[in-house]
Amino acid sequence: MLKYPNYVIVETNGVGYRIEIPLNTFSELPDVGERVRLHIHTYFKENAIRLFGFFSLAEKELFSSLIEISGVGPRLALNILSFISPDGLRMAIKEEDLDKLKAIPGVGRKTAQRILLEMRDRWKETPIGGVETKDEKKEQLIRDAVSALTNLGYQKKEAKIAVNQAWEGLSNHSLEELIKQSLRLLNNLR
């Protein structure tokens, strides 16, 4: 496997496949040359076949739902999943947080409104996930912070250590504060 921020090349039986991925998946990938397991969405369009890979099944299902929305193609859906986790998107839709969606590059007001409307209606029919417990929220915040730090160029191992240390020292457990404190710890180590 060769990996780049927006795609990987995975070799299977001597054939290399280019698989486009969101940044969240990139941050979860093992080192180059190691085995990897991705959930694949195959996208057919006229005379092209594109492969999209996701570390979690929840990301793949969310991607499939997003590209069914008018005005949201595969590139924008990947972009959305690069900037917000599946749980973060569920929460934004549940809270009808238009500003959170508009903050994602490439998502304008009309697209954000369509996403809110169509995803909210879809999830009423088939609920995805349940009520988030305190531990699940903590784990998601830690994963998001580690992902942000690895996207900034820090090694995953050192990012995890810094985030876990930062978590213990915080009274306000917001993603922003967790990342800020983690960066302070990482900068003190260098």
Protein backbone atom coordinates (compact mmCIF):
# COMPACT_ATOMS: atom_id res chain seq x y z
CA MET A 1 0.00 0.00 0.00
CA LEU A 2 1.13 3.51 -0.85
CA LYS A 3 -0.71 6.34 0.85
CA TYR A 4 -1.30 9.99 0.10
CA PRO A 5 -3.66 12.41 1.89
CA ASN A 6 -6.45 11.99 -0.68
CA TYR A 7 -5.87 8.48 -2.04
CA VAL A 8 -4.11 5.18 -1.51
CA ILE A 9 -2.81 2.62 -3.94
CA VAL A 10 -3.58 -0.87 -2.71
CA GLU A 11 -2.05 -3.90 -4.39
CA THR A 12 -4.16 -7.02 -4.63
CA ASN A 13 -2.89 -10.08 -6.53
CA GLY A 14 -0.30 -7.97 -8.36
CA VAL A 15 -2.75 -5.27 -9.45
CA GLY A 16 -2.62 -1.76 -7.95
CA TYR A 17 -5.94 -0.03 -7.32
CA ARG A 18 -6.22 3.73 -6.78
CA ILE A 19 -8.74 4.34 -4.00
CA GLU A 20 -9.82 7.86 -3.07
CA ILE A 21 -10.18 8.46 0.68
CA PRO A 22 -11.22 11.22 3.11
CA LEU A 23 -8.64 12.68 5.52
CA ASN A 24 -10.25 10.89 8.47
CA THR A 25 -9.46 7.56 6.79
CA PHE A 26 -5.94 8.71 5.91
CA SER A 27 -5.19 9.38 9.57
CA GLU A 28 -6.27 5.83 10.51
CA LEU A 29 -4.17 4.02 7.88
CA PRO A 30 -1.27 1.80 8.94
CA ASP A 31 2.28 2.49 7.78
CA VAL A 32 3.22 2.13 4.10
CA GLY A 33 3.69 -1.49 3.09
CA GLU A 34 1.43 -2.91 5.81
CA ARG A 35 -1.86 -4.66 5.18
CA VAL A 36 -4.94 -2.48 5.12
CA ARG A 37 -8.66 -3.19 5.14
CA LEU A 38 -11.02 -0.59 3.70
CA HIS A 39 -14.75 -0.50 3.05
CA ILE A 40 -15.04 0.21 -0.68
CA HIS A 41 -17.73 2.11 -2.56
CA THR A 42 -17.55 1.56 -6.33
CA TYR A 43 -18.82 4.57 -8.28
CA PHE A 44 -19.84 4.16 -11.92
CA LYS A 45 -20.18 7.17 -14.21
CA GLU A 46 -20.56 6.98 -17.96
CA ASN A 47 -17.09 5.75 -18.98
CA ALA A 48 -15.28 5.78 -15.63
CA ILE A 49 -15.14 3.63 -12.55
CA ARG A 50 -13.85 5.20 -9.34
CA LEU A 51 -13.14 3.50 -6.03
CA PHE A 52 -13.68 5.22 -2.70
CA GLY A 53 -12.33 3.70 0.49
CA PHE A 54 -13.30 4.24 4.11
CA PHE A 55 -11.79 3.03 7.35
CA SER A 56 -15.19 2.59 8.97
CA LEU A 57 -18.46 1.23 7.65
CA ALA A 58 -20.24 4.31 9.07
CA GLU A 59 -18.15 6.57 6.80
CA LYS A 60 -18.95 4.43 3.76
CA GLU A 61 -22.68 4.44 4.49
CA LEU A 62 -22.65 8.18 5.06
CA PHE A 63 -20.76 8.71 1.79
CA SER A 64 -23.35 6.62 -0.07
CA SER A 65 -26.16 8.70 1.48
CA LEU A 66 -24.46 12.01 0.71
CA ILE A 67 -23.91 11.32 -2.99
CA GLU A 68 -27.63 10.60 -3.39
CA ILE A 69 -28.36 14.24 -2.51
CA SER A 70 -28.80 16.56 -5.48
CA GLY A 71 -25.72 18.76 -5.85
CA VAL A 72 -23.45 16.52 -3.76
CA GLY A 73 -21.06 14.49 -5.87
CA PRO A 74 -18.31 12.13 -4.73
CA ARG A 75 -15.67 14.86 -4.46
CA LEU A 76 -17.84 17.03 -2.20
CA ALA A 77 -18.94 14.02 -0.14
CA LEU A 78 -15.27 13.10 0.45
CA ASN A 79 -14.57 16.71 1.38
CA ILE A 80 -17.42 16.70 3.88
CA LEU A 81 -16.11 13.49 5.48
CA SER A 82 -12.61 14.98 5.58
CA PHE A 83 -13.78 17.92 7.68
CA ILE A 84 -16.39 16.33 9.93
CA SER A 85 -16.70 12.87 11.44
CA PRO A 86 -19.84 10.78 10.86
CA ASP A 87 -20.90 11.43 14.47
CA GLY A 88 -20.20 15.14 14.07
CA LEU A 89 -22.36 15.25 10.94
CA ARG A 90 -25.16 13.36 12.69
CA MET A 91 -25.04 15.86 15.54
CA ALA A 92 -25.02 18.85 13.15
CA ILE A 93 -28.07 17.43 11.35
CA LYS A 94 -29.85 16.58 14.61
CA GLU A 95 -29.25 20.12 15.89
CA GLU A 96 -29.94 21.62 12.44
CA ASP A 97 -26.58 23.41 12.64
CA LEU A 98 -26.44 25.09 9.23
CA ASP A 99 -23.31 27.09 10.15
CA LYS A 100 -21.34 23.94 10.94
CA LEU A 101 -22.11 22.55 7.48
CA LYS A 102 -21.42 25.87 5.73
CA ALA A 103 -17.98 25.96 7.40
CA ILE A 104 -16.96 22.93 5.30
CA PRO A 105 -15.10 24.08 2.16
CA GLY A 106 -17.31 23.60 -0.91
CA VAL A 107 -20.60 23.56 1.01
CA GLY A 108 -22.69 26.65 0.43
CA ARG A 109 -25.95 27.68 2.05
CA LYS A 110 -28.25 25.86 -0.40
CA THR A 111 -26.22 22.65 -0.31
CA ALA A 112 -26.11 22.75 3.50
CA GLN A 113 -29.89 23.21 3.61
CA ARG A 114 -30.40 20.27 1.23
CA ILE A 115 -28.10 18.07 3.31
CA LEU A 116 -29.96 18.98 6.50
CA LEU A 117 -33.35 18.35 4.97
CA GLU A 118 -32.61 15.12 3.12
CA MET A 119 -30.40 13.51 5.77
CA ARG A 120 -32.81 14.38 8.58
CA ASP A 121 -35.68 12.79 6.63
CA ARG A 122 -33.60 9.72 5.80
CA TRP A 123 -32.52 9.19 9.38
CA LYS A 124 -36.10 9.45 10.59
CA GLU A 125 -36.91 6.45 8.40
CA THR A 126 -33.81 4.45 9.30
CA PRO A 127 -32.14 5.72 12.46
CA ILE A 128 -28.36 5.51 12.40
CA GLY A 129 -26.64 5.06 15.73
CA GLY A 130 -28.19 5.76 19.07
CA VAL A 131 -27.83 8.17 21.90
CA GLU A 132 -24.19 9.07 22.39
CA THR A 133 -22.89 8.18 25.85
CA LYS A 134 -20.32 10.25 27.73
CA ASP A 135 -17.59 7.67 26.94
CA GLU A 136 -18.49 7.62 23.24
CA LYS A 137 -18.33 11.43 23.13
CA LYS A 138 -14.90 11.35 24.81
CA GLU A 139 -13.60 8.72 22.36
CA GLN A 140 -14.93 10.70 19.38
CA LEU A 141 -13.33 13.94 20.61
CA ILE A 142 -10.01 12.15 21.13
CA ARG A 143 -10.18 10.55 17.65
CA ASP A 144 -11.02 13.91 16.04
CA ALA A 145 -8.17 15.66 17.87
CA VAL A 146 -5.64 12.96 16.91
CA SER A 147 -6.85 13.16 13.31
CA ALA A 148 -6.43 16.94 13.28
CA LEU A 149 -2.89 16.69 14.66
CA THR A 150 -1.84 14.00 12.18
CA ASN A 151 -3.26 16.15 9.38
CA LEU A 152 -0.97 18.91 10.67
CA GLY A 153 2.02 16.59 10.24
CA TYR A 154 2.50 15.09 13.71
CA GLN A 155 3.12 11.37 14.05
CA LYS A 156 0.03 9.44 15.14
CA LYS A 157 1.75 7.95 18.19
CA GLU A 158 2.92 11.31 19.56
CA ALA A 159 -0.45 12.88 18.74
CA LYS A 160 -2.29 10.19 20.74
CA ILE A 161 -0.02 10.68 23.75
CA ALA A 162 -0.43 14.47 23.67
CA VAL A 163 -4.21 14.29 23.24
CA ASN A 164 -4.63 11.85 26.13
CA GLN A 165 -2.44 14.03 28.38
CA ALA A 166 -4.35 17.15 27.31
CA TRP A 167 -7.69 15.46 28.05
CA GLU A 168 -6.69 14.84 31.65
CA GLY A 169 -5.75 18.50 32.19
CA LEU A 170 -8.91 20.04 30.72
CA SER A 171 -12.09 20.98 32.51
CA ASN A 172 -13.76 22.19 29.28
CA HIS A 173 -13.73 19.18 26.95
CA SER A 174 -14.35 20.85 23.60
CA LEU A 175 -12.52 19.77 20.45
CA GLU A 176 -11.00 23.22 20.02
CA GLU A 177 -9.58 23.30 23.57
CA LEU A 178 -8.35 19.71 23.29
CA ILE A 179 -6.43 20.50 20.08
CA LYS A 180 -5.00 23.75 21.51
CA GLN A 181 -3.76 22.04 24.68
CA SER A 182 -2.36 19.10 22.69
CA LEU A 183 -0.44 21.51 20.43
CA ARG A 184 1.01 23.24 23.52
CA LEU A 185 2.19 19.88 24.85
CA LEU A 186 3.67 18.87 21.50
CA ASN A 187 5.48 22.20 21.11
CA ASN A 188 6.95 21.88 24.62
CA LEU A 189 8.40 18.48 23.66
CA ARG A 190 10.25 19.85 20.64
